[in-house]
Amino acid sequence: MSVDKTVLEAKVREGTGKGVARKLRAQGLVPAVIYGKHLDQARHIAVDPKAVRQAINTPHKFNTLITVKTDSSEQEVLFKDYQQDPLSREILHVDFLAVSEDEMVKVNVPLVLTGKAEGVVSGGLLSQLRRELEVWAMPRSIPEKIEADVTSLKVAQAMHINDLKLPEGVTVKTNVNYTLAVISAPEGVEEAAPAAAAAAAAKGGKKK
């Protein structure tokens, strides 16, 4: 599934600082910046915070591909970071990362386990050690989620990143075969099984 895409209207912003931010907020806008290696320099803009929330209100959430449109230009971006008021939770500032449609970007994508593991059927406990994966993908091909089928996992077995079949066009750049999920032995079973499960999890090592 290709990434969701939406258009976000913006205004070119002149000046920076608290005074400018106050004036923008009085107009229902907040300061934002677009940066990235494809740009000669960062672009300072103003956006409607409600429109920003709506723009990422898709299944892809923060990985939604956004076209920021001003009177003079359009730029495809990903939502990168934001600041918000600790009490009101209102957005105060937004950072966008400029992307190019023909170059991979690094994003975090949810990992979803599917199937019922054989080890669980036998009474074991399935533990998911990673909820997200850091992957590289083309901006228009960022997956909404990555699924891992754990059906074949038995007690004391683990699934590692190298075992995972990634969607076409998606890659993981790591030298560490880290653990995604592990099946622990049922309570009351000999201690050797949990020890084996822990050893299987340790095999993947720590994330780079």
C-alpha atoms as a PDB file:
ATOM      1  CA  MET A   1       0.000   0.000   0.000  1.00  0.00           C
ATOM      2  CA  SER A   2       1.423   3.395  -0.966  1.00  0.00           C
ATOM      3  CA  VAL A   3       1.617   6.185   1.542  1.00  0.00           C
ATOM      4  CA  ASP A   4      -1.286   8.573   2.067  1.00  0.00           C
ATOM      5  CA  LYS A   5      -0.829  12.017   0.570  1.00  0.00           C
ATOM      6  CA  THR A   6      -2.447  15.302   1.418  1.00  0.00           C
ATOM      7  CA  VAL A   7      -2.065  18.998   0.656  1.00  0.00           C
ATOM      8  CA  LEU A   8      -1.329  21.531   3.384  1.00  0.00           C
ATOM      9  CA  GLU A   9      -1.783  25.213   2.613  1.00  0.00           C
ATOM     10  CA  ALA A  10       0.929  27.470   4.059  1.00  0.00           C
ATOM     11  CA  LYS A  11       2.113  31.069   3.982  1.00  0.00           C
ATOM     12  CA  VAL A  12       5.687  32.238   3.528  1.00  0.00           C
ATOM     13  CA  ARG A  13       6.857  33.620   6.861  1.00  0.00           C
ATOM     14  CA  GLU A  14       9.073  36.690   7.201  1.00  0.00           C
ATOM     15  CA  GLY A  15      11.120  36.947  10.377  1.00  0.00           C
ATOM     16  CA  THR A  16      11.516  34.725  13.407  1.00  0.00           C
ATOM     17  CA  GLY A  17      11.284  35.043  17.165  1.00  0.00           C
ATOM     18  CA  LYS A  18       8.627  35.192  19.852  1.00  0.00           C
ATOM     19  CA  GLY A  19       7.079  38.403  18.534  1.00  0.00           C
ATOM     20  CA  VAL A  20       6.456  36.915  15.107  1.00  0.00           C
ATOM     21  CA  ALA A  21       5.094  33.728  16.680  1.00  0.00           C
ATOM     22  CA  ARG A  22       2.638  35.709  18.816  1.00  0.00           C
ATOM     23  CA  LYS A  23       1.352  37.601  15.775  1.00  0.00           C
ATOM     24  CA  LEU A  24       0.907  34.361  13.862  1.00  0.00           C
ATOM     25  CA  ARG A  25      -0.964  32.693  16.712  1.00  0.00           C
ATOM     26  CA  ALA A  26      -3.287  35.705  16.851  1.00  0.00           C
ATOM     27  CA  GLN A  27      -4.161  34.844  13.227  1.00  0.00           C
ATOM     28  CA  GLY A  28      -4.727  31.179  14.091  1.00  0.00           C
ATOM     29  CA  LEU A  29      -1.373  30.140  12.616  1.00  0.00           C
ATOM     30  CA  VAL A  30       1.899  28.778  14.004  1.00  0.00           C
ATOM     31  CA  PRO A  31       5.470  29.034  12.696  1.00  0.00           C
ATOM     32  CA  ALA A  32       6.935  26.065  10.842  1.00  0.00           C
ATOM     33  CA  VAL A  33      10.137  25.258   8.973  1.00  0.00           C
ATOM     34  CA  ILE A  34      10.954  22.976   6.062  1.00  0.00           C
ATOM     35  CA  TYR A  35      14.515  21.689   5.937  1.00  0.00           C
ATOM     36  CA  GLY A  36      16.432  19.011   4.091  1.00  0.00           C
ATOM     37  CA  LYS A  37      19.488  18.351   1.977  1.00  0.00           C
ATOM     38  CA  HIS A  38      17.518  18.997  -1.209  1.00  0.00           C
ATOM     39  CA  LEU A  39      16.946  22.645  -0.224  1.00  0.00           C
ATOM     40  CA  ASP A  40      19.461  25.475  -0.562  1.00  0.00           C
ATOM     41  CA  GLN A  41      18.256  26.783   2.766  1.00  0.00           C
ATOM     42  CA  ALA A  42      15.479  26.171   5.278  1.00  0.00           C
ATOM     43  CA  ARG A  43      12.083  27.579   4.334  1.00  0.00           C
ATOM     44  CA  HIS A  44      10.180  29.449   7.020  1.00  0.00           C
ATOM     45  CA  ILE A  45       6.416  29.184   6.722  1.00  0.00           C
ATOM     46  CA  ALA A  46       3.233  29.564   8.764  1.00  0.00           C
ATOM     47  CA  VAL A  47       0.534  26.890   8.951  1.00  0.00           C
ATOM     48  CA  ASP A  48      -2.826  26.293  10.568  1.00  0.00           C
ATOM     49  CA  PRO A  49      -2.199  23.840  13.462  1.00  0.00           C
ATOM     50  CA  LYS A  50      -5.652  22.305  13.000  1.00  0.00           C
ATOM     51  CA  ALA A  51      -4.867  21.667   9.346  1.00  0.00           C
ATOM     52  CA  VAL A  52      -1.586  20.031  10.363  1.00  0.00           C
ATOM     53  CA  ARG A  53      -3.388  17.605  12.695  1.00  0.00           C
ATOM     54  CA  GLN A  54      -5.894  16.839   9.951  1.00  0.00           C
ATOM     55  CA  ALA A  55      -3.106  16.287   7.424  1.00  0.00           C
ATOM     56  CA  ILE A  56      -1.573  13.481   9.489  1.00  0.00           C
ATOM     57  CA  ASN A  57      -4.933  12.024  10.497  1.00  0.00           C
ATOM     58  CA  THR A  58      -4.431   9.083   8.134  1.00  0.00           C
ATOM     59  CA  PRO A  59      -3.469   5.432   8.664  1.00  0.00           C
ATOM     60  CA  HIS A  60       0.132   6.450   7.974  1.00  0.00           C
ATOM     61  CA  LYS A  61       0.061   9.119  10.701  1.00  0.00           C
ATOM     62  CA  PHE A  62       3.482  10.824  10.933  1.00  0.00           C
ATOM     63  CA  ASN A  63       4.574   9.034   7.742  1.00  0.00           C
ATOM     64  CA  THR A  64       1.860  10.702   5.664  1.00  0.00           C
ATOM     65  CA  LEU A  65       3.326  12.315   2.560  1.00  0.00           C
ATOM     66  CA  ILE A  66       2.346  15.982   2.642  1.00  0.00           C
ATOM     67  CA  THR A  67       2.517  18.546  -0.140  1.00  0.00           C
ATOM     68  CA  VAL A  68       3.105  21.937   1.486  1.00  0.00           C
ATOM     69  CA  LYS A  69       1.691  24.546  -0.884  1.00  0.00           C
ATOM     70  CA  THR A  70       2.356  28.282  -0.790  1.00  0.00           C
ATOM     71  CA  ASP A  71       1.497  30.961  -3.336  1.00  0.00           C
ATOM     72  CA  SER A  72       4.879  30.495  -4.999  1.00  0.00           C
ATOM     73  CA  SER A  73       5.865  26.858  -4.553  1.00  0.00           C
ATOM     74  CA  GLU A  74       5.036  23.281  -3.598  1.00  0.00           C
ATOM     75  CA  GLN A  75       7.223  20.910  -1.618  1.00  0.00           C
ATOM     76  CA  GLU A  76       6.656  17.294  -0.627  1.00  0.00           C
ATOM     77  CA  VAL A  77       7.512  16.729   3.019  1.00  0.00           C
ATOM     78  CA  LEU A  78       7.173  14.354   5.929  1.00  0.00           C
ATOM     79  CA  PHE A  79       6.104  15.510   9.382  1.00  0.00           C
ATOM     80  CA  LYS A  80       9.320  15.435  11.420  1.00  0.00           C
ATOM     81  CA  ASP A  81       8.819  17.097  14.812  1.00  0.00           C
ATOM     82  CA  TYR A  82       6.705  19.588  16.706  1.00  0.00           C
ATOM     83  CA  GLN A  83       6.501  21.606  19.906  1.00  0.00           C
ATOM     84  CA  GLN A  84       3.309  21.917  21.903  1.00  0.00           C
ATOM     85  CA  ASP A  85       2.078  23.725  24.970  1.00  0.00           C
ATOM     86  CA  PRO A  86       2.431  21.365  27.976  1.00  0.00           C
ATOM     87  CA  LEU A  87      -0.931  22.439  29.407  1.00  0.00           C
ATOM     88  CA  SER A  88      -3.205  23.174  26.458  1.00  0.00           C
ATOM     89  CA  ARG A  89      -1.460  20.640  24.161  1.00  0.00           C
ATOM     90  CA  GLU A  90      -1.778  23.177  21.359  1.00  0.00           C
ATOM     91  CA  ILE A  91       0.865  22.976  18.623  1.00  0.00           C
ATOM     92  CA  LEU A  92       3.371  25.824  18.855  1.00  0.00           C
ATOM     93  CA  HIS A  93       5.876  24.980  16.100  1.00  0.00           C
ATOM     94  CA  VAL A  94       6.276  22.334  13.388  1.00  0.00           C
ATOM     95  CA  ASP A  95       9.305  20.896  11.590  1.00  0.00           C
ATOM     96  CA  PHE A  96       8.917  19.288   8.168  1.00  0.00           C
ATOM     97  CA  LEU A  97      11.529  17.250   6.293  1.00  0.00           C
ATOM     98  CA  ALA A  98      11.730  17.929   2.568  1.00  0.00           C
ATOM     99  CA  VAL A  99      11.835  14.715   0.533  1.00  0.00           C
ATOM    100  CA  SER A 100      12.518  13.767  -3.069  1.00  0.00           C
ATOM    101  CA  GLU A 101      10.272  11.213  -4.773  1.00  0.00           C
ATOM    102  CA  ASP A 102      13.280   9.324  -6.180  1.00  0.00           C
ATOM    103  CA  GLU A 103      15.330   9.015  -2.981  1.00  0.00           C
ATOM    104  CA  MET A 104      14.755   6.770   0.026  1.00  0.00           C
ATOM    105  CA  VAL A 105      13.979   8.250   3.435  1.00  0.00           C
ATOM    106  CA  LYS A 106      14.395   6.785   6.903  1.00  0.00           C
ATOM    107  CA  VAL A 107      11.169   6.352   8.875  1.00  0.00           C
ATOM    108  CA  ASN A 108       9.785   4.352  11.793  1.00  0.00           C
ATOM    109  CA  VAL A 109       6.984   1.964  10.837  1.00  0.00           C
ATOM    110  CA  PRO A 110       4.763  -0.026  13.262  1.00  0.00           C
ATOM    111  CA  LEU A 111       5.493  -3.764  13.495  1.00  0.00           C
ATOM    112  CA  VAL A 112       2.376  -5.951  13.760  1.00  0.00           C
ATOM    113  CA  LEU A 113       2.595  -9.649  14.646  1.00  0.00           C
ATOM    114  CA  THR A 114       0.130 -11.908  12.822  1.00  0.00           C
ATOM    115  CA  GLY A 115      -0.922 -15.536  13.203  1.00  0.00           C
ATOM    116  CA  LYS A 116      -1.123 -17.703  16.313  1.00  0.00           C
ATOM    117  CA  ALA A 117       2.275 -19.098  17.216  1.00  0.00           C
ATOM    118  CA  GLU A 118       2.605 -22.852  17.730  1.00  0.00           C
ATOM    119  CA  GLY A 119       4.359 -22.089  21.001  1.00  0.00           C
ATOM    120  CA  VAL A 120       1.345 -20.102  22.218  1.00  0.00           C
ATOM    121  CA  VAL A 121      -0.974 -22.984  21.310  1.00  0.00           C
ATOM    122  CA  SER A 122       1.291 -25.157  23.480  1.00  0.00           C
ATOM    123  CA  GLY A 123       0.863 -22.764  26.393  1.00  0.00           C
ATOM    124  CA  GLY A 124       3.873 -20.522  25.840  1.00  0.00           C
ATOM    125  CA  LEU A 125       3.929 -16.727  26.133  1.00  0.00           C
ATOM    126  CA  LEU A 126       4.589 -14.529  23.101  1.00  0.00           C
ATOM    127  CA  SER A 127       6.598 -11.374  23.842  1.00  0.00           C
ATOM    128  CA  GLN A 128       6.975  -8.653  21.207  1.00  0.00           C
ATOM    129  CA  LEU A 129      10.283  -6.864  21.755  1.00  0.00           C
ATOM    130  CA  ARG A 130       9.954  -4.331  18.938  1.00  0.00           C
ATOM    131  CA  ARG A 131       6.854  -2.229  18.287  1.00  0.00           C
ATOM    132  CA  GLU A 132       8.443  -0.203  15.479  1.00  0.00           C
ATOM    133  CA  LEU A 133      11.064  -0.803  12.822  1.00  0.00           C
ATOM    134  CA  GLU A 134      13.454   1.800  11.444  1.00  0.00           C
ATOM    135  CA  VAL A 135      13.340   1.284   7.688  1.00  0.00           C
ATOM    136  CA  TRP A 136      14.266   2.983   4.438  1.00  0.00           C
ATOM    137  CA  ALA A 137      11.703   3.445   1.666  1.00  0.00           C
ATOM    138  CA  MET A 138      10.713   5.747  -1.161  1.00  0.00           C
ATOM    139  CA  PRO A 139       8.400   8.509   0.116  1.00  0.00           C
ATOM    140  CA  ARG A 140       5.449   7.235  -1.939  1.00  0.00           C
ATOM    141  CA  SER A 141       6.005   3.625  -0.884  1.00  0.00           C
ATOM    142  CA  ILE A 142       6.256   3.908   2.895  1.00  0.00           C
ATOM    143  CA  PRO A 143       4.139   1.067   4.305  1.00  0.00           C
ATOM    144  CA  GLU A 144       1.375   1.784   6.792  1.00  0.00           C
ATOM    145  CA  LYS A 145       2.706  -1.111   8.871  1.00  0.00           C
ATOM    146  CA  ILE A 146       4.942  -4.158   8.545  1.00  0.00           C
ATOM    147  CA  GLU A 147       3.492  -7.549   9.412  1.00  0.00           C
ATOM    148  CA  ALA A 148       5.425 -10.501  10.817  1.00  0.00           C
ATOM    149  CA  ASP A 149       3.829 -13.965  10.757  1.00  0.00           C
ATOM    150  CA  VAL A 150       4.762 -15.795  13.974  1.00  0.00           C
ATOM    151  CA  THR A 151       2.668 -18.917  13.310  1.00  0.00           C
ATOM    152  CA  SER A 152       5.688 -21.237  13.064  1.00  0.00           C
ATOM    153  CA  LEU A 153       7.365 -20.046  16.276  1.00  0.00           C
ATOM    154  CA  LYS A 154       7.657 -22.756  18.910  1.00  0.00           C
ATOM    155  CA  VAL A 155       8.463 -22.499  22.620  1.00  0.00           C
ATOM    156  CA  ALA A 156      11.975 -21.133  23.201  1.00  0.00           C
ATOM    157  CA  GLN A 157      12.200 -19.844  19.620  1.00  0.00           C
ATOM    158  CA  ALA A 158      12.598 -16.233  18.519  1.00  0.00           C
ATOM    159  CA  MET A 159      12.073 -14.199  15.371  1.00  0.00           C
ATOM    160  CA  HIS A 160      14.878 -11.852  14.340  1.00  0.00           C
ATOM    161  CA  ILE A 161      15.005  -8.988  11.865  1.00  0.00           C
ATOM    162  CA  ASN A 162      16.802 -11.181   9.302  1.00  0.00           C
ATOM    163  CA  ASP A 163      13.849 -13.616   9.418  1.00  0.00           C
ATOM    164  CA  LEU A 164      11.386 -10.922   8.393  1.00  0.00           C
ATOM    165  CA  LYS A 165      10.108 -10.633   4.838  1.00  0.00           C
ATOM    166  CA  LEU A 166       9.942  -6.907   4.163  1.00  0.00           C
ATOM    167  CA  PRO A 167       7.558  -5.290   1.672  1.00  0.00           C
ATOM    168  CA  GLU A 168       8.984  -4.643  -1.781  1.00  0.00           C
ATOM    169  CA  GLY A 169      11.106  -1.493  -1.857  1.00  0.00           C
ATOM    170  CA  VAL A 170      11.591  -1.415   1.915  1.00  0.00           C
ATOM    171  CA  THR A 171      14.966  -2.135   3.498  1.00  0.00           C
ATOM    172  CA  VAL A 172      16.529  -2.241   6.955  1.00  0.00           C
ATOM    173  CA  LYS A 173      20.086  -1.017   7.379  1.00  0.00           C
ATOM    174  CA  THR A 174      21.649  -2.729  10.376  1.00  0.00           C
ATOM    175  CA  ASN A 175      24.532  -5.083  11.099  1.00  0.00           C
ATOM    176  CA  VAL A 176      22.746  -6.478  14.144  1.00  0.00           C
ATOM    177  CA  ASN A 177      20.271  -9.345  13.767  1.00  0.00           C
ATOM    178  CA  TYR A 178      18.094  -8.038  16.568  1.00  0.00           C
ATOM    179  CA  THR A 179      15.116  -9.860  18.074  1.00  0.00           C
ATOM    180  CA  LEU A 180      11.525  -8.975  17.190  1.00  0.00           C
ATOM    181  CA  ALA A 181       9.587 -11.562  19.197  1.00  0.00           C
ATOM    182  CA  VAL A 182      10.235 -14.578  21.410  1.00  0.00           C
ATOM    183  CA  ILE A 183       8.149 -17.445  22.841  1.00  0.00           C
ATOM    184  CA  SER A 184       8.720 -18.158  26.533  1.00  0.00           C
ATOM    185  CA  ALA A 185       7.851 -21.493  28.117  1.00  0.00           C
ATOM    186  CA  PRO A 186       4.607 -21.892  30.068  1.00  0.00           C
ATOM    187  CA  GLU A 187       4.794 -21.475  33.830  1.00  0.00           C
ATOM    188  CA  GLY A 188       5.618 -24.665  35.699  1.00  0.00           C
ATOM    189  CA  VAL A 189       7.621 -26.123  32.807  1.00  0.00           C
ATOM    190  CA  GLU A 190      11.262 -27.022  33.348  1.00  0.00           C
ATOM    191  CA  GLU A 191      13.505 -24.003  33.640  1.00  0.00           C
ATOM    192  CA  ALA A 192      15.594 -25.008  30.649  1.00  0.00           C
ATOM    193  CA  ALA A 193      12.946 -23.769  28.232  1.00  0.00           C
ATOM    194  CA  PRO A 194      12.801 -20.163  29.529  1.00  0.00           C
ATOM    195  CA  ALA A 195      16.581 -20.134  29.574  1.00  0.00           C
ATOM    196  CA  ALA A 196      16.610 -21.226  25.953  1.00  0.00           C
ATOM    197  CA  ALA A 197      14.113 -18.514  25.057  1.00  0.00           C
ATOM    198  CA  ALA A 198      16.263 -15.897  26.755  1.00  0.00           C
ATOM    199  CA  ALA A 199      19.291 -17.176  24.900  1.00  0.00           C
ATOM    200  CA  ALA A 200      17.402 -16.960  21.613  1.00  0.00           C
ATOM    201  CA  ALA A 201      16.456 -13.353  22.345  1.00  0.00           C
ATOM    202  CA  ALA A 202      20.033 -12.486  23.331  1.00  0.00           C
ATOM    203  CA  LYS A 203      21.267 -13.931  20.048  1.00  0.00           C
ATOM    204  CA  GLY A 204      19.950 -10.909  18.208  1.00  0.00           C
ATOM    205  CA  GLY A 205      22.050  -8.546  20.296  1.00  0.00           C
ATOM    206  CA  LYS A 206      21.282  -4.941  21.062  1.00  0.00           C
ATOM    207  CA  LYS A 207      20.003  -2.500  18.482  1.00  0.00           C
ATOM    208  CA  LYS A 208      22.740  -0.584  16.754  1.00  0.00           C
END
